[in-house]
């Protein structure tokens, strides 16, 4: 075992070890782009584009484009309460019906959610908001578990950061296109109000493509990696055994220490949606949905590149990335407290031609970027906490369940008339708790937490140490 006093330099390599990929069954076959990791992540990315990406585009204009946030936030509370349970069952469903079917089914509820927003916007239908939210909550929880599991198991660990950034770029591209659609239909809205109802028709049509695209995904055993290794296959086990293993994982010290972080990651989204809908004009909200998506793509690309940067050790990248990101987060929420205190007193209605528009609108852009960075880092971190391949799915499921639970409570708060300054204070409190507790786990990445596939340091990789060929100088 590596010395726990310093970052991991060498990982023991044992033939047939569960922690490492075996040579792929496809290793002697010609490389097929259709079975390659890049195409698989593109499929997942496009599904993320049509489903949560376009969902985020609607939320980024503030409360799904509604005139006031209260009904939509109540629906979102229903959505995330159901998602909490479906996320927890994600590993069970994937284990029994397969990851491709789970991914395809997970995209279907988003269409009903968008249709409900259309009905409410054009005809004032309220009951459909709750039905669409419930359908989305049931399916989206499975989608979150499936997409995260694919993105943490299909790419090799040494390129995981960049593939995560690539996948999230598709998700954000949905928001980019959605933002362009929002702006095109609503550029004349100079006052507070709701989006043009025609906006939602385009969203519904695009989201119908999600299930068909998901069926292009290759099963794990047929995926080809450039380095010749294969994706680990998960054993089919009874439901009771799977649930017991998931519960055991949830009681681990490192997971419990990270619960505040995963609660914090998505807790802010209901607040910033309400903030945008209550204080900014329709066209300002539409512009924000476009600009924030572009900013998120750029920010996650930088984060993903840094997390794969070979000049720093894995432990250094984990620690520096976490601390840098959390310092930025602290600055954003300090800024938010100042602006929200001002807006609570004066209740502005701002358009982009107003002189005081910039400070509050720019804050919204930074809040969305901060969310994207914490979300991206959380996925990357999950990949190194898993001790065996099956745990990747479980970690994805339970961490997303915690995020959904936090967003459920935050949406419930935003559905009331509680002052928004209360929401900002709660977000700041979660940040203060998540920072020290999260660092206790992060500082062990590359030392104790090396992931299901193990960690092959760059120095040894360049010396041609192969994971399927034990060497005489491998340290125990």
Protein backbone atom coordinates (compact mmCIF):
# COMPACT_ATOMS: atom_id res chain seq x y z
CA UNK A 1 0.00 0.00 0.00
CA UNK A 2 1.32 3.44 -0.79
CA UNK A 3 2.62 5.59 2.05
CA UNK A 4 -0.38 7.56 3.33
CA UNK A 5 1.83 10.55 4.20
CA UNK A 6 2.33 11.61 0.58
CA UNK A 7 0.48 11.51 -2.74
CA UNK A 8 0.32 8.16 -4.44
CA UNK A 9 3.30 7.47 -6.70
CA UNK A 10 2.71 3.86 -7.63
CA UNK A 11 -0.39 1.71 -7.55
CA UNK A 12 0.06 -2.03 -7.13
CA UNK A 13 -0.88 -3.92 -10.26
CA UNK A 14 -2.27 -7.40 -9.85
CA UNK A 15 -3.44 -9.58 -12.67
CA UNK A 16 -7.19 -9.96 -12.45
CA UNK A 17 -7.55 -7.28 -9.79
CA UNK A 18 -11.08 -5.98 -9.49
CA UNK A 19 -9.85 -2.40 -9.33
CA UNK A 20 -8.49 -2.39 -12.89
CA UNK A 21 -9.87 -2.86 -16.36
CA UNK A 22 -9.01 -6.04 -18.13
CA UNK A 23 -7.90 -6.11 -21.77
CA UNK A 24 -10.96 -5.49 -23.93
CA UNK A 25 -12.68 -8.28 -25.83
CA UNK A 26 -12.52 -5.84 -28.74
CA UNK A 27 -8.79 -5.25 -28.37
CA UNK A 28 -7.95 -7.39 -31.44
CA UNK A 29 -10.71 -5.91 -33.55
CA UNK A 30 -10.39 -2.81 -35.72
CA UNK A 31 -11.29 0.34 -33.85
CA UNK A 32 -14.83 1.46 -34.66
CA UNK A 33 -15.79 5.09 -34.12
CA UNK A 34 -19.36 3.93 -33.46
CA UNK A 35 -18.12 1.90 -30.45
CA UNK A 36 -15.51 4.43 -29.31
CA UNK A 37 -15.68 6.41 -26.10
CA UNK A 38 -15.95 9.71 -27.97
CA UNK A 39 -19.12 8.61 -29.78
CA UNK A 40 -20.62 7.21 -26.57
CA UNK A 41 -20.06 10.47 -24.72
CA UNK A 42 -21.49 12.34 -27.70
CA UNK A 43 -24.68 10.26 -27.44
CA UNK A 44 -24.93 11.00 -23.73
CA UNK A 45 -24.11 14.63 -24.41
CA UNK A 46 -26.86 14.98 -27.00
CA UNK A 47 -29.35 13.38 -24.61
CA UNK A 48 -28.22 15.85 -21.97
CA UNK A 49 -28.68 18.60 -24.58
CA UNK A 50 -32.30 17.65 -25.31
CA UNK A 51 -33.35 16.78 -21.76
CA UNK A 52 -31.71 18.64 -18.83
CA UNK A 53 -29.98 21.10 -21.16
CA UNK A 54 -33.22 22.52 -22.54
CA UNK A 55 -34.80 22.20 -19.08
CA UNK A 56 -31.98 24.37 -17.75
CA UNK A 57 -32.55 26.85 -20.58
CA UNK A 58 -36.13 27.29 -19.42
CA UNK A 59 -35.09 27.60 -15.78
CA UNK A 60 -32.32 30.08 -16.59
CA UNK A 61 -34.85 32.68 -17.72
CA UNK A 62 -36.26 32.45 -14.21
CA UNK A 63 -38.90 29.98 -13.00
CA UNK A 64 -39.46 28.33 -16.37
CA UNK A 65 -40.36 31.63 -18.02
CA UNK A 66 -43.42 32.23 -15.84
CA UNK A 67 -44.39 35.72 -14.73
CA UNK A 68 -43.94 34.81 -11.05
CA UNK A 69 -41.93 31.90 -9.64
CA UNK A 70 -44.36 30.47 -7.08
CA UNK A 71 -46.37 27.88 -9.07
CA UNK A 72 -43.36 26.59 -11.02
CA UNK A 73 -41.27 26.35 -7.86
CA UNK A 74 -44.04 24.36 -6.16
CA UNK A 75 -44.02 22.00 -9.15
CA UNK A 76 -40.24 21.77 -8.96
CA UNK A 77 -40.51 20.82 -5.29
CA UNK A 78 -42.68 17.88 -6.35
CA UNK A 79 -40.22 17.06 -9.13
CA UNK A 80 -37.16 16.94 -6.89
CA UNK A 81 -38.90 15.12 -4.05
CA UNK A 82 -39.69 12.26 -6.45
CA UNK A 83 -36.25 12.50 -8.03
CA UNK A 84 -34.65 11.93 -4.64
CA UNK A 85 -36.17 8.44 -4.51
CA UNK A 86 -35.67 7.57 -8.19
CA UNK A 87 -32.02 8.58 -7.97
CA UNK A 88 -31.58 6.21 -5.05
CA UNK A 89 -33.13 3.41 -7.09
CA UNK A 90 -30.96 4.20 -10.12
CA UNK A 91 -28.41 1.48 -9.42
CA UNK A 92 -31.17 -1.12 -9.02
CA UNK A 93 -32.88 -0.15 -12.29
CA UNK A 94 -29.60 -0.03 -14.25
CA UNK A 95 -28.64 -3.41 -12.82
CA UNK A 96 -31.83 -5.03 -14.11
CA UNK A 97 -32.82 -3.31 -17.38
CA UNK A 98 -29.43 -2.06 -18.55
CA UNK A 99 -27.88 1.35 -18.82
CA UNK A 100 -29.10 2.12 -22.37
CA UNK A 101 -32.76 1.46 -21.59
CA UNK A 102 -32.47 3.45 -18.38
CA UNK A 103 -30.96 6.40 -20.25
CA UNK A 104 -33.67 6.34 -22.94
CA UNK A 105 -36.52 6.11 -20.44
CA UNK A 106 -34.98 8.89 -18.39
CA UNK A 107 -35.38 11.43 -21.20
CA UNK A 108 -39.15 11.00 -21.60
CA UNK A 109 -40.43 13.01 -18.63
CA UNK A 110 -38.75 16.22 -19.74
CA UNK A 111 -41.14 16.47 -22.69
CA UNK A 112 -44.19 16.40 -20.42
CA UNK A 113 -42.64 19.06 -18.20
CA UNK A 114 -42.14 21.42 -21.16
CA UNK A 115 -45.65 20.71 -22.41
CA UNK A 116 -47.00 21.61 -18.96
CA UNK A 117 -45.18 24.96 -19.04
CA UNK A 118 -46.69 25.64 -22.47
CA UNK A 119 -50.20 24.86 -21.26
CA UNK A 120 -49.79 27.06 -18.20
CA UNK A 121 -48.24 29.92 -20.16
CA UNK A 122 -50.89 29.98 -22.91
CA UNK A 123 -54.05 28.73 -21.19
CA UNK A 124 -53.34 29.12 -17.47
CA UNK A 125 -53.58 25.37 -16.76
CA UNK A 126 -52.18 24.70 -13.28
CA UNK A 127 -52.81 20.99 -12.63
CA UNK A 128 -50.63 20.01 -15.61
CA UNK A 129 -47.65 21.72 -13.93
CA UNK A 130 -47.85 19.23 -11.07
CA UNK A 131 -48.40 16.25 -13.39
CA UNK A 132 -45.54 17.24 -15.70
CA UNK A 133 -43.27 17.88 -12.73
CA UNK A 134 -44.09 14.47 -11.26
CA UNK A 135 -43.41 12.69 -14.56
CA UNK A 136 -40.12 14.53 -14.95
CA UNK A 137 -39.11 13.74 -11.37
CA UNK A 138 -39.71 10.00 -11.83
CA UNK A 139 -37.77 9.72 -15.09
CA UNK A 140 -35.11 12.38 -14.57
CA UNK A 141 -33.79 10.66 -11.45
CA UNK A 142 -33.02 7.59 -13.54
CA UNK A 143 -31.53 9.75 -16.29
CA UNK A 144 -29.20 11.49 -13.84
CA UNK A 145 -28.01 8.15 -12.46
CA UNK A 146 -27.48 6.66 -15.92
CA UNK A 147 -25.67 9.59 -17.54
CA UNK A 148 -23.36 10.01 -14.57
CA UNK A 149 -22.53 6.30 -14.48
CA UNK A 150 -21.66 6.29 -18.19
CA UNK A 151 -19.47 9.36 -17.94
CA UNK A 152 -17.55 7.94 -14.98
CA UNK A 153 -17.04 4.43 -16.40
CA UNK A 154 -16.73 4.67 -20.19
CA UNK A 155 -13.77 7.14 -20.44
CA UNK A 156 -10.34 6.06 -19.11
CA UNK A 157 -9.57 7.80 -15.78
CA UNK A 158 -6.66 9.81 -17.21
CA UNK A 159 -9.01 11.67 -19.60
CA UNK A 160 -12.08 11.78 -17.39
CA UNK A 161 -11.87 15.51 -16.65
CA UNK A 162 -11.92 16.51 -20.31
CA UNK A 163 -14.70 14.07 -21.17
CA UNK A 164 -16.77 15.45 -18.30
CA UNK A 165 -16.22 18.96 -19.67
CA UNK A 166 -17.18 17.75 -23.17
CA UNK A 167 -20.39 16.17 -21.86
CA UNK A 168 -21.31 19.24 -19.83
CA UNK A 169 -20.64 21.39 -22.90
CA UNK A 170 -23.50 19.55 -24.63
CA UNK A 171 -25.73 20.09 -21.61
CA UNK A 172 -24.83 23.77 -21.67
CA UNK A 173 -25.25 23.86 -25.46
CA UNK A 174 -28.88 23.01 -24.86
CA UNK A 175 -29.03 26.12 -22.75
CA UNK A 176 -27.17 28.07 -25.47
CA UNK A 177 -29.68 27.08 -28.15
CA UNK A 178 -32.51 27.53 -25.70
CA UNK A 179 -31.17 30.96 -24.81
CA UNK A 180 -31.04 31.93 -28.49
CA UNK A 181 -34.64 30.72 -28.91
CA UNK A 182 -35.69 32.60 -25.80
CA UNK A 183 -34.08 35.81 -27.03
CA UNK A 184 -35.48 35.47 -30.57
CA UNK A 185 -39.06 35.14 -29.34
CA UNK A 186 -38.83 37.64 -26.48
CA UNK A 187 -36.43 40.42 -27.56
CA UNK A 188 -39.21 43.04 -27.34
CA UNK A 189 -40.19 42.29 -23.73
CA UNK A 190 -38.95 45.40 -21.93
CA UNK A 191 -40.95 44.89 -18.73
CA UNK A 192 -41.54 42.13 -16.19
CA UNK A 193 -43.74 39.30 -17.43
CA UNK A 194 -43.66 35.83 -18.97
CA UNK A 195 -42.12 34.30 -22.10
CA UNK A 196 -43.88 34.14 -25.45
CA UNK A 197 -45.86 30.86 -25.57
CA UNK A 198 -44.32 29.95 -28.96
CA UNK A 199 -40.98 29.48 -27.19
CA UNK A 200 -42.16 26.24 -25.58
CA UNK A 201 -43.25 24.59 -28.83
CA UNK A 202 -39.67 24.52 -30.09
CA UNK A 203 -38.50 23.04 -26.79
CA UNK A 204 -41.07 20.23 -26.85
CA UNK A 205 -40.15 19.25 -30.42
CA UNK A 206 -36.42 19.11 -29.66
CA UNK A 207 -36.91 17.11 -26.46
CA UNK A 208 -38.83 14.42 -28.37
CA UNK A 209 -35.50 13.49 -30.01
CA UNK A 210 -33.94 12.37 -26.71
CA UNK A 211 -35.21 8.76 -26.48
CA UNK A 212 -34.30 7.97 -30.11
CA UNK A 213 -30.74 9.27 -29.71
CA UNK A 214 -30.29 7.32 -26.45
CA UNK A 215 -30.83 4.04 -28.33
CA UNK A 216 -27.57 4.66 -30.22
CA UNK A 217 -25.59 4.01 -27.03
CA UNK A 218 -23.38 0.90 -27.03
CA UNK A 219 -23.57 -1.50 -24.06
CA UNK A 220 -20.47 -1.50 -21.82
CA UNK A 221 -19.08 -4.79 -23.16
CA UNK A 222 -18.95 -3.42 -26.73
CA UNK A 223 -17.30 -0.09 -25.96
CA UNK A 224 -13.77 0.33 -27.36
CA UNK A 225 -11.12 2.46 -25.70
CA UNK A 226 -8.05 3.66 -27.53
CA UNK A 227 -5.75 2.15 -24.88
CA UNK A 228 -7.23 -1.34 -25.40
CA UNK A 229 -8.85 -1.66 -21.97
CA UNK A 230 -12.53 -2.41 -21.51
CA UNK A 231 -15.30 -0.98 -19.43
CA UNK A 232 -15.90 -3.08 -16.34
CA UNK A 233 -19.14 -5.07 -16.51
CA UNK A 234 -21.41 -4.89 -13.48
CA UNK A 235 -22.63 -8.22 -12.08
CA UNK A 236 -26.38 -8.75 -11.90
CA UNK A 237 -27.30 -9.11 -8.24
CA UNK A 238 -30.60 -9.35 -6.34
CA UNK A 239 -32.42 -6.12 -5.49
CA UNK A 240 -32.03 -6.65 -1.74
CA UNK A 241 -28.28 -7.14 -2.12
CA UNK A 242 -27.98 -4.01 -4.25
CA UNK A 243 -29.95 -1.92 -1.75
CA UNK A 244 -27.86 -3.23 1.12
CA UNK A 245 -24.64 -2.33 -0.73
CA UNK A 246 -26.00 1.15 -1.47
CA UNK A 247 -26.93 1.71 2.17
CA UNK A 248 -23.48 0.55 3.27
CA UNK A 249 -21.89 3.06 0.90
CA UNK A 250 -24.07 5.88 2.29
CA UNK A 251 -22.72 5.19 5.78
CA UNK A 252 -19.08 5.62 4.77
CA UNK A 253 -17.25 8.49 6.41
CA UNK A 254 -16.19 10.09 3.13
CA UNK A 255 -19.75 10.13 1.80
CA UNK A 256 -21.18 11.61 5.00
CA UNK A 257 -18.52 14.33 4.92
CA UNK A 258 -19.54 15.20 1.34
CA UNK A 259 -23.31 15.37 1.98
CA UNK A 260 -23.14 19.14 2.70
CA UNK A 261 -21.22 19.70 -0.53
CA UNK A 262 -23.74 17.87 -2.69
CA UNK A 263 -26.60 19.64 -0.92
CA UNK A 264 -24.85 22.94 -1.61
CA UNK A 265 -24.23 22.28 -5.33
CA UNK A 266 -27.87 22.56 -6.45
CA UNK A 267 -29.39 24.40 -3.49
CA UNK A 268 -28.83 27.76 -5.24
CA UNK A 269 -30.77 27.01 -8.46
CA UNK A 270 -34.30 27.76 -7.20
CA UNK A 271 -33.10 31.00 -5.63
CA UNK A 272 -31.35 32.32 -8.73
CA UNK A 273 -34.39 31.41 -10.85
CA UNK A 274 -36.65 33.41 -8.54
CA UNK A 275 -34.12 36.25 -8.43
CA UNK A 276 -34.12 36.58 -12.21
CA UNK A 277 -37.91 36.36 -12.63
CA UNK A 278 -38.72 38.96 -9.96
CA UNK A 279 -36.22 41.67 -10.82
CA UNK A 280 -35.49 41.57 -14.57
CA UNK A 281 -37.41 42.15 -17.78
CA UNK A 282 -38.41 39.32 -20.10
CA UNK A 283 -35.75 40.09 -22.70
CA UNK A 284 -33.07 40.51 -20.01
CA UNK A 285 -33.94 37.04 -18.75
CA UNK A 286 -33.76 35.65 -22.29
CA UNK A 287 -30.34 37.25 -22.82
CA UNK A 288 -29.16 35.85 -19.49
CA UNK A 289 -30.08 32.31 -20.51
CA UNK A 290 -27.85 32.64 -23.59
CA UNK A 291 -24.86 34.37 -21.97
CA UNK A 292 -24.77 32.11 -18.91
CA UNK A 293 -24.74 28.98 -21.07
CA UNK A 294 -21.75 30.28 -23.07
CA UNK A 295 -19.95 31.24 -19.85
CA UNK A 296 -20.60 27.79 -18.35
CA UNK A 297 -19.12 26.00 -21.39
CA UNK A 298 -15.96 28.11 -21.17
CA UNK A 299 -15.63 27.69 -17.39
CA UNK A 300 -16.14 23.91 -17.37
CA UNK A 301 -13.63 23.51 -20.22
CA UNK A 302 -11.01 25.29 -18.12
CA UNK A 303 -11.90 23.20 -15.06
CA UNK A 304 -11.80 19.92 -16.99
CA UNK A 305 -8.44 20.78 -18.57
CA UNK A 306 -6.97 21.63 -15.17
CA UNK A 307 -8.23 18.40 -13.58
CA UNK A 308 -6.40 16.41 -16.31
CA UNK A 309 -3.24 18.55 -16.22
CA UNK A 310 -0.26 16.20 -15.99
CA UNK A 311 2.23 18.68 -14.49
CA UNK A 312 0.49 18.41 -11.14
CA UNK A 313 -0.15 15.23 -9.19
CA UNK A 314 -3.67 13.93 -8.83
CA UNK A 315 -3.68 15.01 -5.20
CA UNK A 316 -2.58 18.55 -6.09
CA UNK A 317 -5.21 18.89 -8.80
CA UNK A 318 -7.91 17.70 -6.40
CA UNK A 319 -6.90 20.10 -3.62
CA UNK A 320 -6.12 23.18 -5.73
CA UNK A 321 -9.21 22.71 -7.88
CA UNK A 322 -11.46 22.39 -4.85
CA UNK A 323 -10.01 25.34 -2.94
CA UNK A 324 -9.91 27.64 -5.98
CA UNK A 325 -13.50 26.81 -6.86
CA UNK A 326 -14.78 27.29 -3.30
CA UNK A 327 -12.99 30.63 -2.89
CA UNK A 328 -14.72 31.82 -6.06
CA UNK A 329 -18.04 30.54 -4.66
CA UNK A 330 -17.54 32.44 -1.42
CA UNK A 331 -16.93 35.65 -3.37
CA UNK A 332 -20.05 35.13 -5.48
CA UNK A 333 -22.33 34.62 -2.48
CA UNK A 334 -20.84 37.57 -0.61
CA UNK A 335 -21.68 39.65 -3.67
CA UNK A 336 -25.17 38.11 -3.73
CA UNK A 337 -25.82 39.10 -0.10
CA UNK A 338 -24.97 42.72 -0.90
CA UNK A 339 -27.13 42.88 -4.06
CA UNK A 340 -30.05 40.97 -2.56
CA UNK A 341 -30.12 43.27 0.47
CA UNK A 342 -30.34 46.23 -1.91
CA UNK A 343 -33.03 44.63 -4.09
CA UNK A 344 -35.13 43.56 -1.09
CA UNK A 345 -35.36 47.18 -0.03
CA UNK A 346 -36.11 48.71 -3.46
CA UNK A 347 -37.67 45.86 -5.54
CA UNK A 348 -36.35 47.00 -8.95
CA UNK A 349 -37.70 46.07 -12.40
CA UNK A 350 -34.57 46.18 -14.55
CA UNK A 351 -34.11 46.15 -18.31
CA UNK A 352 -30.79 46.20 -20.17
CA UNK A 353 -31.20 49.93 -20.97
CA UNK A 354 -31.25 50.85 -17.26
CA UNK A 355 -28.13 52.31 -15.67
CA UNK A 356 -28.17 49.97 -12.65
CA UNK A 357 -28.82 46.86 -14.71
CA UNK A 358 -25.23 45.55 -14.88
CA UNK A 359 -24.34 44.77 -11.27
CA UNK A 360 -27.32 42.51 -10.61
CA UNK A 361 -27.42 40.89 -14.05
CA UNK A 362 -23.68 40.09 -13.98
CA UNK A 363 -24.16 38.51 -10.56
CA UNK A 364 -26.64 36.07 -12.11
CA UNK A 365 -24.07 35.06 -14.75
CA UNK A 366 -21.45 34.40 -12.05
CA UNK A 367 -23.96 32.40 -9.99
CA UNK A 368 -24.61 30.11 -12.96
CA UNK A 369 -20.88 29.71 -13.64
CA UNK A 370 -20.29 28.88 -9.98
CA UNK A 371 -22.97 26.19 -10.17
CA UNK A 372 -21.40 24.66 -13.30
CA UNK A 373 -17.96 24.45 -11.69
CA UNK A 374 -19.17 22.85 -8.46
CA UNK A 375 -21.32 20.42 -10.43
CA UNK A 376 -18.44 19.42 -12.73
CA UNK A 377 -16.01 18.96 -9.85
CA UNK A 378 -18.51 16.85 -7.91
CA UNK A 379 -18.76 14.34 -10.75
CA UNK A 380 -14.99 14.19 -11.16
CA UNK A 381 -14.59 13.56 -7.42
CA UNK A 382 -17.17 10.74 -7.43
CA UNK A 383 -15.03 8.80 -9.90
CA UNK A 384 -12.18 8.57 -7.40
CA UNK A 385 -14.27 7.63 -4.38
CA UNK A 386 -15.49 4.35 -5.88
CA UNK A 387 -13.57 1.27 -4.75
CA UNK A 388 -15.01 -1.09 -7.35
CA UNK A 389 -16.85 -0.64 -10.68
CA UNK A 390 -20.31 -1.29 -9.22
CA UNK A 391 -19.79 1.55 -6.75
CA UNK A 392 -19.55 4.11 -9.56
CA UNK A 393 -23.26 3.61 -10.28
CA UNK A 394 -24.11 3.64 -6.59
CA UNK A 395 -22.13 6.80 -5.88
CA UNK A 396 -23.74 8.54 -8.83
CA UNK A 397 -27.19 7.52 -7.64
CA UNK A 398 -26.83 8.52 -4.00
CA UNK A 399 -24.97 11.78 -4.67
CA UNK A 400 -27.59 12.87 -7.18
CA UNK A 401 -30.29 11.89 -4.67
CA UNK A 402 -28.72 14.23 -2.11
CA UNK A 403 -28.60 17.01 -4.70
CA UNK A 404 -32.26 16.42 -5.58
CA UNK A 405 -33.27 16.46 -1.91
CA UNK A 406 -31.53 19.79 -1.43
CA UNK A 407 -33.13 21.25 -4.53
CA UNK A 408 -36.52 19.98 -3.36
CA UNK A 409 -36.28 21.87 -0.06
CA UNK A 410 -34.87 24.98 -1.77
CA UNK A 411 -37.68 24.92 -4.36
CA UNK A 412 -40.24 24.62 -1.56
CA UNK A 413 -38.79 27.73 0.08
CA UNK A 414 -38.85 29.62 -3.23
CA UNK A 415 -42.50 28.66 -3.78
CA UNK A 416 -43.46 30.73 -0.74
CA UNK A 417 -43.30 34.46 -0.14
CA UNK A 418 -40.23 34.09 2.10
CA UNK A 419 -37.75 36.96 1.51
CA UNK A 420 -35.03 35.97 -0.98
CA UNK A 421 -32.38 37.15 1.45
CA UNK A 422 -33.26 34.07 3.55
CA UNK A 423 -32.37 31.81 0.61
CA UNK A 424 -29.04 33.57 0.10
CA UNK A 425 -28.24 33.17 3.79
CA UNK A 426 -28.96 29.44 3.64
CA UNK A 427 -26.77 29.03 0.55
CA UNK A 428 -23.94 30.85 2.30
CA UNK A 429 -24.35 28.60 5.34
CA UNK A 430 -24.15 25.44 3.22
CA UNK A 431 -21.01 26.83 1.55
CA UNK A 432 -19.42 27.41 4.96
CA UNK A 433 -20.19 23.84 6.07
CA UNK A 434 -19.23 22.19 2.77
CA UNK A 435 -15.81 23.84 2.50
CA UNK A 436 -14.02 22.31 5.55
CA UNK A 437 -15.86 18.97 5.52
CA UNK A 438 -15.32 18.51 1.78
CA UNK A 439 -11.62 19.29 2.08
CA UNK A 440 -11.17 16.42 4.56
CA UNK A 441 -12.12 14.08 1.70
CA UNK A 442 -10.47 15.97 -1.16
CA UNK A 443 -7.05 15.97 0.51
CA UNK A 444 -7.04 12.16 0.36
CA UNK A 445 -7.67 11.90 -3.41
CA UNK A 446 -4.67 10.19 -4.99
CA UNK A 447 -3.60 8.88 -1.58
CA UNK A 448 -6.53 6.86 -0.22
CA UNK A 449 -9.20 7.56 -2.84
CA UNK A 450 -7.88 6.35 -6.20
CA UNK A 451 -11.03 5.12 -7.94
CA UNK A 452 -12.22 1.71 -9.07
CA UNK A 453 -9.61 1.52 -11.82
CA UNK A 454 -6.71 2.68 -9.70
CA UNK A 455 -4.47 5.60 -10.53
CA UNK A 456 -1.48 5.22 -12.83
CA UNK A 457 0.85 8.18 -12.26
CA UNK A 458 2.10 10.02 -15.33
CA UNK A 459 5.71 9.26 -14.54
CA UNK A 460 5.09 5.53 -14.55
CA UNK A 461 2.84 5.76 -17.58
CA UNK A 462 5.66 7.33 -19.57
CA UNK A 463 7.93 4.49 -18.45
CA UNK A 464 5.51 2.08 -20.16
CA UNK A 465 4.06 0.46 -17.08
CA UNK A 466 0.93 -1.35 -18.28
CA UNK A 467 -2.02 -2.14 -16.09
CA UNK A 468 -2.28 -5.70 -17.36
CA UNK A 469 1.43 -6.55 -17.06
CA UNK A 470 2.85 -6.71 -13.48
CA UNK A 471 6.37 -5.32 -13.15
CA UNK A 472 9.12 -6.26 -10.79
CA UNK A 473 9.50 -2.69 -9.45
CA UNK A 474 5.86 -2.30 -8.48
CA UNK A 475 5.63 -1.32 -4.82
CA UNK A 476 3.21 -2.99 -2.46
